[in-house]
C-alpha atoms as a PDB file:
ATOM      1  CA  MET A   1      46.736  97.330  95.377  1.00  0.00           C
ATOM      2  CA  ASN A   2      48.556  95.926  98.267  1.00  0.00           C
ATOM      3  CA  ASN A   3      49.774  93.108  96.246  1.00  0.00           C
ATOM      4  CA  LYS A   4      51.529  95.267  93.758  1.00  0.00           C
ATOM      5  CA  LEU A   5      52.896  97.532  96.689  1.00  0.00           C
ATOM      6  CA  PHE A   6      54.279  94.267  97.924  1.00  0.00           C
ATOM      7  CA  LYS A   7      55.873  93.166  94.787  1.00  0.00           C
ATOM      8  CA  LEU A   8      57.391  96.663  94.337  1.00  0.00           C
ATOM      9  CA  SER A   9      58.978  96.917  97.800  1.00  0.00           C
ATOM     10  CA  ALA A  10      60.419  93.355  97.051  1.00  0.00           C
ATOM     11  CA  THR A  11      61.920  94.394  93.924  1.00  0.00           C
ATOM     12  CA  ILE A  12      63.440  97.331  95.374  1.00  0.00           C
ATOM     13  CA  LEU A  13      64.859  95.357  98.289  1.00  0.00           C
ATOM     14  CA  VAL A  14      66.333  92.794  95.800  1.00  0.00           C
ATOM     15  CA  CYS A  15      68.084  95.417  93.831  1.00  0.00           C
ATOM     16  CA  LEU A  16      69.209  97.192  96.950  1.00  0.00           C
ATOM     17  CA  SER A  17      70.602  93.879  98.319  1.00  0.00           C
ATOM     18  CA  LEU A  18      72.352  93.200  95.001  1.00  0.00           C
ATOM     19  CA  THR A  19      73.692  96.737  95.001  1.00  0.00           C
ATOM     20  CA  ILE A  20      75.096  96.517  98.495  1.00  0.00           C
ATOM     21  CA  PHE A  21      76.786  93.161  97.882  1.00  0.00           C
ATOM     22  CA  THR A  22      78.515  94.155  94.682  1.00  0.00           C
ATOM     23  CA  TRP A  23      79.684  97.247  96.299  1.00  0.00           C
ATOM     24  CA  GLY A  24      81.071  95.058  99.127  1.00  0.00           C
ATOM     25  CA  GLN A  25      82.808  92.946  96.634  1.00  0.00           C
ATOM     26  CA  LYS A  26      84.359  95.686  94.676  1.00  0.00           C
ATOM     27  CA  ASN A  27      85.536  97.364  97.972  1.00  0.00           C
ATOM     28  CA  THR A  28      87.184  94.434  99.929  1.00  0.00           C
ATOM     29  CA  SER A  29      90.665  94.792 100.638  1.00  0.00           C
ATOM     30  CA  VAL A  30      92.801  91.622 101.229  1.00  0.00           C
ATOM     31  CA  ASN A  31      95.260  91.186 104.315  1.00  0.00           C
ATOM     32  CA  LEU A  32      98.661  89.842 103.148  1.00  0.00           C
ATOM     33  CA  LYS A  33     101.758  87.986 104.422  1.00  0.00           C
ATOM     34  CA  VAL A  34     104.908  89.277 102.424  1.00  0.00           C
ATOM     35  CA  THR A  35     107.914  87.090 101.937  1.00  0.00           C
ATOM     36  CA  ILE A  36     110.945  88.608 100.347  1.00  0.00           C
ATOM     37  CA  ASP A  37     113.051  85.881  98.529  1.00  0.00           C
ATOM     38  CA  ASN A  38     116.809  87.143  99.733  1.00  0.00           C
ATOM     39  CA  SER A  39     118.506  84.548  97.251  1.00  0.00           C
ATOM     40  CA  VAL A  40     117.318  86.582  94.511  1.00  0.00           C
ATOM     41  CA  SER A  41     118.888  89.431  95.836  1.00  0.00           C
ATOM     42  CA  ALA A  42     122.099  88.329  97.395  1.00  0.00           C
ATOM     43  CA  ALA A  43     124.418  90.479  95.311  1.00  0.00           C
ATOM     44  CA  ALA A  44     122.144  93.442  94.740  1.00  0.00           C
ATOM     45  CA  GLY A  45     118.539  94.381  95.156  1.00  0.00           C
ATOM     46  CA  VAL A  46     115.643  94.222  97.637  1.00  0.00           C
ATOM     47  CA  GLN A  47     116.294  92.209 100.926  1.00  0.00           C
ATOM     48  CA  SER A  48     114.081  91.507 103.895  1.00  0.00           C
ATOM     49  CA  ASP A  49     115.363  91.250 107.713  1.00  0.00           C
ATOM     50  CA  GLY A  50     114.957  87.465 107.232  1.00  0.00           C
ATOM     51  CA  ASN A  51     111.300  87.065 108.161  1.00  0.00           C
ATOM     52  CA  PRO A  52     107.954  87.402 106.267  1.00  0.00           C
ATOM     53  CA  TYR A  53     106.035  90.726 107.055  1.00  0.00           C
ATOM     54  CA  GLN A  54     102.559  90.168 108.207  1.00  0.00           C
ATOM     55  CA  ASN A  55      99.890  92.822 108.016  1.00  0.00           C
ATOM     56  CA  GLY A  56      98.857  94.027 111.542  1.00  0.00           C
ATOM     57  CA  LEU A  57     102.209  92.787 113.223  1.00  0.00           C
ATOM     58  CA  ASP A  58     105.228  95.332 114.038  1.00  0.00           C
ATOM     59  CA  SER A  59     103.042  97.945 112.505  1.00  0.00           C
ATOM     60  CA  VAL A  60     103.392  96.344 109.122  1.00  0.00           C
ATOM     61  CA  GLN A  61     100.595  97.210 106.464  1.00  0.00           C
ATOM     62  CA  ALA A  62     100.286  94.547 103.554  1.00  0.00           C
ATOM     63  CA  VAL A  63      97.368  94.663 101.603  1.00  0.00           C
ATOM     64  CA  PHE A  64      95.498  94.756  98.508  1.00  0.00           C
ATOM     65  CA  ASN A  65      93.402  97.891  98.909  1.00  0.00           C
ATOM     66  CA  SER A  66      89.894  98.048  97.664  1.00  0.00           C
ATOM     67  CA  TYR A  67      91.198  99.457  94.065  1.00  0.00           C
ATOM     68  CA  GLY A  68      93.478  96.073  93.632  1.00  0.00           C
ATOM     69  CA  HIS A  69      96.787  97.728  94.250  1.00  0.00           C
ATOM     70  CA  PHE A  70      99.310  96.236  96.490  1.00  0.00           C
ATOM     71  CA  VAL A  71      99.916  98.503  99.399  1.00  0.00           C
ATOM     72  CA  PHE A  72     102.964  97.864 101.926  1.00  0.00           C
ATOM     73  CA  ASN A  73     104.608  99.558 104.997  1.00  0.00           C
ATOM     74  CA  SER A  74     107.215  97.614 106.744  1.00  0.00           C
ATOM     75  CA  GLY A  75     106.482  99.347 110.107  1.00  0.00           C
ATOM     76  CA  THR A  76     109.019  98.967 112.785  1.00  0.00           C
ATOM     77  CA  ARG A  77     111.170  96.453 110.949  1.00  0.00           C
ATOM     78  CA  PRO A  78     113.666  97.255 108.014  1.00  0.00           C
ATOM     79  CA  VAL A  79     113.882  96.552 104.446  1.00  0.00           C
ATOM     80  CA  ASN A  80     117.394  96.368 102.806  1.00  0.00           C
ATOM     81  CA  PHE A  81     118.373  98.004  99.595  1.00  0.00           C
ATOM     82  CA  LEU A  82     121.897  97.063  97.905  1.00  0.00           C
ATOM     83  CA  TYR A  83     123.027  99.331  95.222  1.00  0.00           C
ATOM     84  CA  SER A  84     126.270  97.434  94.337  1.00  0.00           C
ATOM     85  CA  ILE A  85     125.668  97.201  90.716  1.00  0.00           C
ATOM     86  CA  PRO A  86     124.960 100.381  88.787  1.00  0.00           C
ATOM     87  CA  LEU A  87     123.903 100.344  85.316  1.00  0.00           C
ATOM     88  CA  ASP A  88     124.589 103.780  83.932  1.00  0.00           C
ATOM     89  CA  GLY A  89     128.338 104.372  85.013  1.00  0.00           C
ATOM     90  CA  ASN A  90     126.976 105.916  88.278  1.00  0.00           C
ATOM     91  CA  PHE A  91     128.569 105.198  91.723  1.00  0.00           C
ATOM     92  CA  ILE A  92     127.882 102.503  94.199  1.00  0.00           C
ATOM     93  CA  LEU A  93     125.225 103.999  96.903  1.00  0.00           C
ATOM     94  CA  PRO A  94     125.642 102.882 100.288  1.00  0.00           C
ATOM     95  CA  THR A  95     123.223 100.074 101.221  1.00  0.00           C
ATOM     96  CA  ASP A  96     119.746 101.668 102.860  1.00  0.00           C
ATOM     97  CA  SER A  97     118.615  99.576 105.601  1.00  0.00           C
ATOM     98  CA  LYS A  98     115.340 101.619 107.113  1.00  0.00           C
ATOM     99  CA  ILE A  99     112.213 100.879 108.882  1.00  0.00           C
ATOM    100  CA  GLY A 100     109.058 102.173 107.556  1.00  0.00           C
ATOM    101  CA  VAL A 101     109.568 101.366 104.078  1.00  0.00           C
ATOM    102  CA  LYS A 102     106.658 101.935 101.769  1.00  0.00           C
ATOM    103  CA  SER A 103     105.736 100.239  98.374  1.00  0.00           C
ATOM    104  CA  ARG A 104     102.868 100.240  96.007  1.00  0.00           C
ATOM    105  CA  THR A 105     102.122  99.191  92.619  1.00  0.00           C
ATOM    106  CA  PHE A 106     100.303 100.948  89.646  1.00  0.00           C
ATOM    107  CA  PRO A 107      98.546  99.543  86.527  1.00  0.00           C
ATOM    108  CA  ILE A 108     100.549 100.012  83.273  1.00  0.00           C
ATOM    109  CA  ASN A 109      97.126  99.727  81.441  1.00  0.00           C
ATOM    110  CA  SER A 110      94.212 100.710  83.407  1.00  0.00           C
ATOM    111  CA  ALA A 111      91.711  99.677  80.861  1.00  0.00           C
ATOM    112  CA  ALA A 112      92.724  96.243  80.890  1.00  0.00           C
ATOM    113  CA  TYR A 113      93.722  95.719  84.686  1.00  0.00           C
ATOM    114  CA  THR A 114      92.150  93.201  87.015  1.00  0.00           C
ATOM    115  CA  ARG A 115      92.175  93.924  90.638  1.00  0.00           C
ATOM    116  CA  LEU A 116      95.048  91.948  92.241  1.00  0.00           C
ATOM    117  CA  GLN A 117      92.628  90.020  94.631  1.00  0.00           C
ATOM    118  CA  ASP A 118      90.343  89.074  91.348  1.00  0.00           C
ATOM    119  CA  MET A 119      93.020  87.541  89.366  1.00  0.00           C
ATOM    120  CA  THR A 120      92.346  84.059  88.133  1.00  0.00           C
ATOM    121  CA  ASP A 121      94.491  80.925  88.321  1.00  0.00           C
ATOM    122  CA  GLY A 122      97.806  81.504  86.325  1.00  0.00           C
ATOM    123  CA  GLN A 123      97.095  84.969  85.396  1.00  0.00           C
ATOM    124  CA  SER A 124      99.788  87.285  85.167  1.00  0.00           C
ATOM    125  CA  GLN A 125     100.004  91.267  84.712  1.00  0.00           C
ATOM    126  CA  CYS A 126     102.511  93.706  84.320  1.00  0.00           C
ATOM    127  CA  LEU A 127     102.774  96.609  86.706  1.00  0.00           C
ATOM    128  CA  GLY A 128     104.651  99.444  87.740  1.00  0.00           C
ATOM    129  CA  LEU A 129     106.060  99.667  91.519  1.00  0.00           C
ATOM    130  CA  LEU A 130     107.631 102.246  93.734  1.00  0.00           C
ATOM    131  CA  TRP A 131     109.661 101.391  97.216  1.00  0.00           C
ATOM    132  CA  GLU A 132     109.834 104.628  99.104  1.00  0.00           C
ATOM    133  CA  ILE A 133     112.501 105.190 101.734  1.00  0.00           C
ATOM    134  CA  ASN A 134     112.718 107.769 104.331  1.00  0.00           C
ATOM    135  CA  LEU A 135     116.394 109.012 104.416  1.00  0.00           C
ATOM    136  CA  GLY A 136     115.660 111.761 106.954  1.00  0.00           C
ATOM    137  CA  ASN A 137     116.603 115.489 106.455  1.00  0.00           C
ATOM    138  CA  ASN A 138     113.285 115.928 104.674  1.00  0.00           C
ATOM    139  CA  THR A 139     114.460 113.560 101.884  1.00  0.00           C
ATOM    140  CA  THR A 140     112.708 110.293 100.684  1.00  0.00           C
ATOM    141  CA  ARG A 141     114.399 107.699  98.031  1.00  0.00           C
ATOM    142  CA  GLY A 142     112.308 106.295  95.442  1.00  0.00           C
ATOM    143  CA  VAL A 143     113.375 102.905  93.825  1.00  0.00           C
ATOM    144  CA  THR A 144     111.141 103.011  90.741  1.00  0.00           C
ATOM    145  CA  TYR A 145     110.223 100.311  88.209  1.00  0.00           C
ATOM    146  CA  GLN A 146     107.825 101.763  85.265  1.00  0.00           C
ATOM    147  CA  TYR A 147     106.383 103.943  88.063  1.00  0.00           C
ATOM    148  CA  GLY A 148     106.218 107.859  88.426  1.00  0.00           C
ATOM    149  CA  GLY A 149     107.492 110.789  86.324  1.00  0.00           C
ATOM    150  CA  GLY A 150     110.602 111.248  84.399  1.00  0.00           C
ATOM    151  CA  PHE A 151     112.141 108.785  82.042  1.00  0.00           C
ATOM    152  CA  GLN A 152     111.099 105.262  83.057  1.00  0.00           C
ATOM    153  CA  THR A 153     111.045 103.388  79.739  1.00  0.00           C
ATOM    154  CA  ASN A 154     114.546 101.724  80.559  1.00  0.00           C
ATOM    155  CA  THR A 155     113.448 100.205  83.948  1.00  0.00           C
ATOM    156  CA  ALA A 156     111.849  96.840  84.509  1.00  0.00           C
ATOM    157  CA  TYR A 157     108.384  95.971  84.569  1.00  0.00           C
ATOM    158  CA  VAL A 158     107.017  94.196  87.547  1.00  0.00           C
ATOM    159  CA  VAL A 159     105.009  91.118  86.898  1.00  0.00           C
ATOM    160  CA  VAL A 160     102.538  89.654  89.165  1.00  0.00           C
ATOM    161  CA  THR A 161     101.170  86.038  88.901  1.00  0.00           C
ATOM    162  CA  TYR A 162      98.584  84.321  90.940  1.00  0.00           C
ATOM    163  CA  SER A 163      98.279  80.567  91.780  1.00  0.00           C
ATOM    164  CA  ALA A 164      94.831  79.420  93.091  1.00  0.00           C
ATOM    165  CA  ALA A 165      96.505  76.211  94.595  1.00  0.00           C
ATOM    166  CA  THR A 166      98.450  78.235  97.137  1.00  0.00           C
ATOM    167  CA  PHE A 167      96.147  81.176  97.398  1.00  0.00           C
ATOM    168  CA  SER A 168      99.298  83.317  96.647  1.00  0.00           C
ATOM    169  CA  TRP A 169     100.832  85.815  94.150  1.00  0.00           C
ATOM    170  CA  THR A 170     104.429  86.192  93.140  1.00  0.00           C
ATOM    171  CA  MET A 171     105.565  89.417  92.124  1.00  0.00           C
ATOM    172  CA  ASP A 172     109.056  90.029  90.737  1.00  0.00           C
ATOM    173  CA  SER A 173     111.026  92.511  88.556  1.00  0.00           C
ATOM    174  CA  VAL A 174     111.960  90.228  85.768  1.00  0.00           C
ATOM    175  CA  GLU A 175     109.981  90.852  82.684  1.00  0.00           C
ATOM    176  CA  SER A 176     108.901  87.336  82.677  1.00  0.00           C
ATOM    177  CA  PRO A 177     106.786  85.228  81.985  1.00  0.00           C
ATOM    178  CA  ILE A 178     104.725  87.307  79.809  1.00  0.00           C
ATOM    179  CA  ASN A 179     105.946  90.239  77.506  1.00  0.00           C
ATOM    180  CA  CYS A 180     105.096  93.605  78.872  1.00  0.00           C
ATOM    181  CA  GLY A 181     106.141  95.483  75.921  1.00  0.00           C
ATOM    182  CA  GLY A 182     109.365  96.534  76.963  1.00  0.00           C
ATOM    183  CA  ASN A 183     113.119  95.648  76.223  1.00  0.00           C
ATOM    184  CA  ASN A 184     114.089  92.371  78.245  1.00  0.00           C
ATOM    185  CA  THR A 185     117.472  93.881  78.642  1.00  0.00           C
ATOM    186  CA  ASN A 186     116.149  95.915  81.255  1.00  0.00           C
ATOM    187  CA  ALA A 187     114.920  93.408  83.573  1.00  0.00           C
ATOM    188  CA  ASN A 188     115.562  93.893  87.230  1.00  0.00           C
ATOM    189  CA  ALA A 189     116.564  97.589  86.592  1.00  0.00           C
ATOM    190  CA  ALA A 190     115.237 100.518  88.743  1.00  0.00           C
ATOM    191  CA  ARG A 191     115.677 104.008  88.601  1.00  0.00           C
ATOM    192  CA  VAL A 192     116.751 105.547  92.377  1.00  0.00           C
ATOM    193  CA  ARG A 193     115.798 109.098  92.712  1.00  0.00           C
ATOM    194  CA  ASP A 194     115.829 111.266  95.942  1.00  0.00           C
ATOM    195  CA  THR A 195     113.440 114.063  96.678  1.00  0.00           C
ATOM    196  CA  GLN A 196     114.168 116.717  99.188  1.00  0.00           C
ATOM    197  CA  THR A 197     111.044 119.004 100.153  1.00  0.00           C
ATOM    198  CA  ILE A 198     111.907 122.113 102.332  1.00  0.00           C
ATOM    199  CA  ARG A 199     109.151 124.700 102.725  1.00  0.00           C
ATOM    200  CA  ASN A 200     106.940 123.057  99.926  1.00  0.00           C
ATOM    201  CA  LYS A 201     109.842 123.082  97.505  1.00  0.00           C
ATOM    202  CA  SER A 202     111.244 119.990  95.993  1.00  0.00           C
ATOM    203  CA  THR A 203     114.425 119.174  94.528  1.00  0.00           C
ATOM    204  CA  ILE A 204     115.050 115.935  92.910  1.00  0.00           C
ATOM    205  CA  THR A 205     118.450 114.259  92.381  1.00  0.00           C
ATOM    206  CA  ASP A 206     118.550 111.300  89.832  1.00  0.00           C
ATOM    207  CA  ASN A 207     121.097 108.787  90.961  1.00  0.00           C
ATOM    208  CA  GLY A 208     120.573 106.856  87.902  1.00  0.00           C
ATOM    209  CA  ARG A 209     119.615 103.248  87.263  1.00  0.00           C
ATOM    210  CA  TYR A 210     120.778 100.103  89.363  1.00  0.00           C
ATOM    211  CA  TYR A 211     120.625  96.423  89.069  1.00  0.00           C
ATOM    212  CA  MET A 212     117.839  95.924  91.675  1.00  0.00           C
ATOM    213  CA  PRO A 213     116.044  92.366  91.356  1.00  0.00           C
ATOM    214  CA  PHE A 214     113.561  91.325  93.938  1.00  0.00           C
ATOM    215  CA  LYS A 215     110.807  88.676  94.351  1.00  0.00           C
ATOM    216  CA  LEU A 216     107.727  88.804  96.409  1.00  0.00           C
ATOM    217  CA  THR A 217     105.456  85.886  97.707  1.00  0.00           C
ATOM    218  CA  LEU A 218     101.966  87.488  98.632  1.00  0.00           C
ATOM    219  CA  SER A 219      99.950  85.069 100.770  1.00  0.00           C
ATOM    220  CA  LYS A 220      96.476  85.512 102.274  1.00  0.00           C
ATOM    221  CA  GLN A 221      96.465  85.867 105.804  1.00  0.00           C
END
């Protein structure tokens, strides 16, 4: 009887250990260093202040969260947005250079999505991505690539590719190296929308599309 009880207890402990281990694996976030390649966006697009953004420094948040999404906040450091090349006959917006800029990714195909930290060497995925900028006066600006509501089909996809050799991911707004199912003529195109919220009522201003290239290198810290 005691032997049976011992075997049962051992089985329960093994199952519990495996469950905890699996849960831990699925819920592990990854801290990152984010380098923005300013040469890609010299004329227009998304630029850094010249240095990498490291999670935990200068109030920066840069992680793959437990769901496998890229989540970023520039903290006390600025990110620059150059709207110098409109795509829809719209006007040139003044450059934004703001601190506390946020960004996050969103899977295009949830059923086939691999958490970013679980990608294999050479694997690429198509993503949607949002940059969110606080303009003040209860207004945020969204620079969106296949992300959010409204008409996004004529904006670029964001492609992320993992390299095991360097333990890093590249993420850019060019519909390459894999076909994301869209039109390549929209590579680097982002939609720029302003949302002002006063007394729980939001007013959205669509500024149109702009040529907004960017390239990130995300390295494990």
